N, C-alpha and C. Protein backbone atom coordinates (compact mmCIF):
# COMPACT_ATOMS: atom_id res chain seq x y z
N MET A 1 -37.04 -28.27 53.78
CA MET A 1 -37.16 -29.63 54.26
C MET A 1 -35.77 -30.13 54.67
N LYS A 2 -35.69 -30.62 55.89
CA LYS A 2 -34.46 -31.22 56.39
C LYS A 2 -34.79 -32.59 56.95
N ILE A 3 -33.89 -33.54 56.70
CA ILE A 3 -34.04 -34.89 57.25
C ILE A 3 -32.79 -35.18 58.06
N PHE A 4 -32.99 -35.71 59.26
CA PHE A 4 -31.89 -36.07 60.15
C PHE A 4 -31.94 -37.57 60.36
N ILE A 5 -30.78 -38.22 60.28
CA ILE A 5 -30.74 -39.68 60.42
C ILE A 5 -29.81 -40.10 61.55
N LYS A 6 -30.16 -41.23 62.18
CA LYS A 6 -29.28 -41.92 63.11
C LYS A 6 -28.94 -43.25 62.46
N VAL A 7 -27.65 -43.58 62.51
CA VAL A 7 -27.18 -44.79 61.83
C VAL A 7 -26.39 -45.64 62.82
N LYS A 8 -26.63 -46.94 62.77
CA LYS A 8 -25.84 -47.89 63.54
C LYS A 8 -25.55 -49.09 62.67
N ASP A 9 -24.29 -49.44 62.54
CA ASP A 9 -23.87 -50.59 61.72
C ASP A 9 -24.41 -50.48 60.29
N ASN A 10 -24.35 -49.27 59.74
CA ASN A 10 -24.76 -49.00 58.35
C ASN A 10 -26.27 -49.10 58.13
N VAL A 11 -27.05 -49.15 59.20
CA VAL A 11 -28.51 -49.23 59.11
C VAL A 11 -29.10 -47.97 59.73
N ILE A 12 -30.08 -47.39 59.05
CA ILE A 12 -30.76 -46.21 59.57
C ILE A 12 -31.70 -46.67 60.69
N THR A 13 -31.40 -46.22 61.91
CA THR A 13 -32.19 -46.65 63.06
C THR A 13 -33.29 -45.67 63.42
N ASP A 14 -33.11 -44.40 63.03
CA ASP A 14 -34.12 -43.40 63.33
C ASP A 14 -33.99 -42.23 62.38
N LEU A 15 -35.10 -41.58 62.10
CA LEU A 15 -35.12 -40.40 61.24
C LEU A 15 -36.05 -39.37 61.85
N LYS A 16 -35.70 -38.13 61.65
CA LYS A 16 -36.55 -37.00 62.05
C LYS A 16 -36.59 -36.04 60.87
N PHE A 17 -37.62 -35.23 60.81
CA PHE A 17 -37.67 -34.24 59.74
C PHE A 17 -38.14 -32.91 60.27
N GLN A 18 -37.74 -31.87 59.55
CA GLN A 18 -38.21 -30.51 59.81
C GLN A 18 -38.63 -29.96 58.45
N THR A 19 -39.91 -29.72 58.31
CA THR A 19 -40.44 -29.27 57.03
C THR A 19 -41.35 -28.07 57.24
N PHE A 20 -41.07 -27.04 56.50
CA PHE A 20 -41.94 -25.87 56.46
C PHE A 20 -42.53 -25.84 55.06
N GLY A 21 -43.82 -26.09 54.95
CA GLY A 21 -44.43 -26.12 53.63
C GLY A 21 -45.85 -26.63 53.71
N CYS A 22 -46.33 -27.04 52.57
CA CYS A 22 -47.71 -27.48 52.44
C CYS A 22 -47.89 -28.89 53.03
N ALA A 23 -49.13 -29.32 53.09
CA ALA A 23 -49.46 -30.64 53.63
C ALA A 23 -48.79 -31.76 52.83
N SER A 24 -48.67 -31.58 51.52
CA SER A 24 -48.02 -32.61 50.70
C SER A 24 -46.55 -32.74 51.06
N ALA A 25 -45.88 -31.63 51.29
CA ALA A 25 -44.46 -31.67 51.67
C ALA A 25 -44.29 -32.36 53.02
N ILE A 26 -45.17 -32.08 53.95
CA ILE A 26 -45.10 -32.70 55.26
C ILE A 26 -45.40 -34.20 55.15
N ALA A 27 -46.37 -34.57 54.34
CA ALA A 27 -46.70 -35.99 54.14
C ALA A 27 -45.52 -36.74 53.52
N VAL A 28 -44.87 -36.12 52.55
CA VAL A 28 -43.71 -36.75 51.91
C VAL A 28 -42.59 -36.93 52.94
N SER A 29 -42.34 -35.92 53.75
CA SER A 29 -41.30 -36.02 54.79
C SER A 29 -41.60 -37.17 55.74
N SER A 30 -42.83 -37.27 56.17
CA SER A 30 -43.22 -38.34 57.08
C SER A 30 -43.05 -39.70 56.42
N MET A 31 -43.44 -39.81 55.16
CA MET A 31 -43.32 -41.08 54.45
C MET A 31 -41.86 -41.49 54.28
N VAL A 32 -40.99 -40.52 54.04
CA VAL A 32 -39.55 -40.82 53.94
C VAL A 32 -39.08 -41.49 55.23
N THR A 33 -39.50 -40.95 56.36
CA THR A 33 -39.05 -41.52 57.63
C THR A 33 -39.59 -42.93 57.81
N GLU A 34 -40.81 -43.18 57.37
CA GLU A 34 -41.39 -44.52 57.49
C GLU A 34 -40.70 -45.52 56.57
N LEU A 35 -40.42 -45.10 55.36
CA LEU A 35 -39.81 -46.02 54.38
C LEU A 35 -38.36 -46.34 54.71
N ALA A 36 -37.59 -45.34 55.11
CA ALA A 36 -36.15 -45.51 55.26
C ALA A 36 -35.73 -46.16 56.58
N LYS A 37 -36.57 -46.08 57.59
CA LYS A 37 -36.20 -46.65 58.88
C LYS A 37 -35.99 -48.15 58.76
N GLY A 38 -34.82 -48.61 59.20
CA GLY A 38 -34.48 -50.03 59.13
C GLY A 38 -33.74 -50.42 57.87
N MET A 39 -33.62 -49.50 56.92
CA MET A 39 -32.89 -49.79 55.69
C MET A 39 -31.40 -49.51 55.88
N THR A 40 -30.59 -50.19 55.07
CA THR A 40 -29.18 -49.82 55.03
C THR A 40 -29.08 -48.49 54.28
N LEU A 41 -27.94 -47.85 54.40
CA LEU A 41 -27.75 -46.58 53.70
C LEU A 41 -27.89 -46.75 52.19
N ASP A 42 -27.34 -47.85 51.66
CA ASP A 42 -27.45 -48.08 50.21
C ASP A 42 -28.89 -48.33 49.77
N GLU A 43 -29.64 -49.07 50.58
CA GLU A 43 -31.05 -49.30 50.26
C GLU A 43 -31.83 -47.99 50.27
N ALA A 44 -31.57 -47.15 51.26
CA ALA A 44 -32.29 -45.88 51.38
C ALA A 44 -31.95 -44.93 50.23
N MET A 45 -30.75 -45.05 49.68
CA MET A 45 -30.37 -44.20 48.54
C MET A 45 -31.20 -44.56 47.29
N LYS A 46 -31.83 -45.72 47.30
CA LYS A 46 -32.64 -46.15 46.15
C LYS A 46 -34.08 -45.64 46.24
N ILE A 47 -34.44 -44.98 47.33
CA ILE A 47 -35.77 -44.38 47.43
C ILE A 47 -35.83 -43.22 46.44
N THR A 48 -36.86 -43.24 45.60
CA THR A 48 -36.98 -42.24 44.54
C THR A 48 -38.25 -41.42 44.72
N LYS A 49 -38.36 -40.38 43.93
CA LYS A 49 -39.58 -39.57 43.97
C LYS A 49 -40.78 -40.42 43.58
N ALA A 50 -40.60 -41.33 42.64
CA ALA A 50 -41.71 -42.18 42.21
C ALA A 50 -42.14 -43.14 43.33
N SER A 51 -41.16 -43.71 44.05
CA SER A 51 -41.51 -44.64 45.12
C SER A 51 -42.19 -43.90 46.28
N LEU A 52 -41.80 -42.66 46.52
CA LEU A 52 -42.47 -41.87 47.55
C LEU A 52 -43.91 -41.55 47.16
N ALA A 53 -44.10 -41.11 45.93
CA ALA A 53 -45.45 -40.79 45.46
C ALA A 53 -46.34 -42.04 45.49
N GLU A 54 -45.76 -43.18 45.11
CA GLU A 54 -46.52 -44.43 45.12
C GLU A 54 -46.90 -44.83 46.55
N ALA A 55 -45.98 -44.67 47.48
CA ALA A 55 -46.25 -45.01 48.88
C ALA A 55 -47.36 -44.15 49.46
N LEU A 56 -47.52 -42.94 48.94
CA LEU A 56 -48.58 -42.04 49.38
C LEU A 56 -49.86 -42.21 48.56
N ASP A 57 -49.92 -43.24 47.75
CA ASP A 57 -51.05 -43.48 46.84
C ASP A 57 -51.23 -42.32 45.88
N GLY A 58 -50.11 -41.75 45.44
CA GLY A 58 -50.14 -40.68 44.46
C GLY A 58 -50.20 -39.31 45.10
N LEU A 59 -49.79 -38.34 44.32
CA LEU A 59 -49.87 -36.93 44.70
C LEU A 59 -50.51 -36.19 43.55
N PRO A 60 -51.18 -35.08 43.82
CA PRO A 60 -51.70 -34.28 42.72
C PRO A 60 -50.54 -33.82 41.83
N PRO A 61 -50.77 -33.71 40.53
CA PRO A 61 -49.68 -33.33 39.62
C PRO A 61 -48.94 -32.06 40.04
N GLN A 62 -49.66 -31.09 40.57
CA GLN A 62 -49.01 -29.83 40.96
C GLN A 62 -48.20 -29.98 42.24
N LYS A 63 -48.27 -31.13 42.90
CA LYS A 63 -47.52 -31.37 44.14
C LYS A 63 -46.43 -32.43 43.99
N MET A 64 -46.20 -32.93 42.78
CA MET A 64 -45.19 -33.96 42.58
C MET A 64 -43.79 -33.47 42.95
N HIS A 65 -43.54 -32.18 42.86
CA HIS A 65 -42.22 -31.66 43.23
C HIS A 65 -41.91 -31.93 44.70
N CYS A 66 -42.93 -32.12 45.52
CA CYS A 66 -42.71 -32.43 46.94
C CYS A 66 -42.00 -33.76 47.11
N SER A 67 -42.33 -34.73 46.24
CA SER A 67 -41.67 -36.03 46.33
C SER A 67 -40.20 -35.90 45.95
N ASN A 68 -39.89 -34.98 45.02
CA ASN A 68 -38.49 -34.71 44.68
C ASN A 68 -37.75 -34.19 45.91
N LEU A 69 -38.38 -33.27 46.62
CA LEU A 69 -37.75 -32.69 47.81
C LEU A 69 -37.47 -33.76 48.86
N GLY A 70 -38.40 -34.66 49.06
CA GLY A 70 -38.22 -35.71 50.06
C GLY A 70 -37.08 -36.65 49.73
N ALA A 71 -37.04 -37.12 48.49
CA ALA A 71 -35.96 -38.02 48.07
C ALA A 71 -34.62 -37.29 48.13
N ASP A 72 -34.60 -36.05 47.66
CA ASP A 72 -33.35 -35.28 47.67
C ASP A 72 -32.86 -35.03 49.10
N ALA A 73 -33.78 -34.69 50.01
CA ALA A 73 -33.39 -34.43 51.40
C ALA A 73 -32.81 -35.69 52.06
N LEU A 74 -33.42 -36.84 51.80
CA LEU A 74 -32.91 -38.09 52.35
C LEU A 74 -31.52 -38.38 51.80
N HIS A 75 -31.36 -38.24 50.51
CA HIS A 75 -30.07 -38.52 49.88
C HIS A 75 -28.99 -37.58 50.42
N LYS A 76 -29.34 -36.32 50.61
CA LYS A 76 -28.37 -35.35 51.16
C LYS A 76 -28.00 -35.71 52.59
N ALA A 77 -28.96 -36.17 53.39
CA ALA A 77 -28.67 -36.56 54.76
C ALA A 77 -27.71 -37.75 54.78
N ILE A 78 -27.90 -38.70 53.88
CA ILE A 78 -27.03 -39.86 53.80
C ILE A 78 -25.63 -39.45 53.34
N GLU A 79 -25.58 -38.59 52.33
CA GLU A 79 -24.28 -38.09 51.85
C GLU A 79 -23.55 -37.34 52.94
N ASP A 80 -24.26 -36.52 53.70
CA ASP A 80 -23.67 -35.78 54.80
C ASP A 80 -23.11 -36.74 55.86
N TYR A 81 -23.88 -37.76 56.19
CA TYR A 81 -23.41 -38.76 57.16
C TYR A 81 -22.14 -39.42 56.67
N LYS A 82 -22.14 -39.86 55.41
CA LYS A 82 -20.96 -40.54 54.86
C LYS A 82 -19.75 -39.61 54.85
N ASN A 83 -19.95 -38.36 54.50
CA ASN A 83 -18.84 -37.40 54.49
C ASN A 83 -18.27 -37.21 55.89
N LYS A 84 -19.12 -37.13 56.87
CA LYS A 84 -18.68 -36.95 58.26
C LYS A 84 -17.98 -38.19 58.80
N GLN A 85 -18.31 -39.35 58.23
CA GLN A 85 -17.66 -40.61 58.64
C GLN A 85 -16.40 -40.87 57.84
N GLY A 86 -16.14 -40.02 56.85
CA GLY A 86 -14.95 -40.20 56.01
C GLY A 86 -15.07 -41.31 54.99
N LYS A 87 -16.31 -41.58 54.59
CA LYS A 87 -16.55 -42.67 53.62
C LYS A 87 -16.74 -42.12 52.23
């Protein structure tokens, strides 16, 4: 799972994802893009696995790890952006 972000004035203006996996992983990736778009970087860093699962009206217990992947991928994309900006 990879998440790509576009940022302007510290606000996420667009997100794209590339996910190879099950339907739950793809759904989580899509939900991340819906939730984070329009948020500041700091607001988006507060998206958690629980908030992703809740936004999807829950996930089966055996698929909860997918929400971890989504939150982690978003956080890594933000960290990568900040590192490239020297922040």
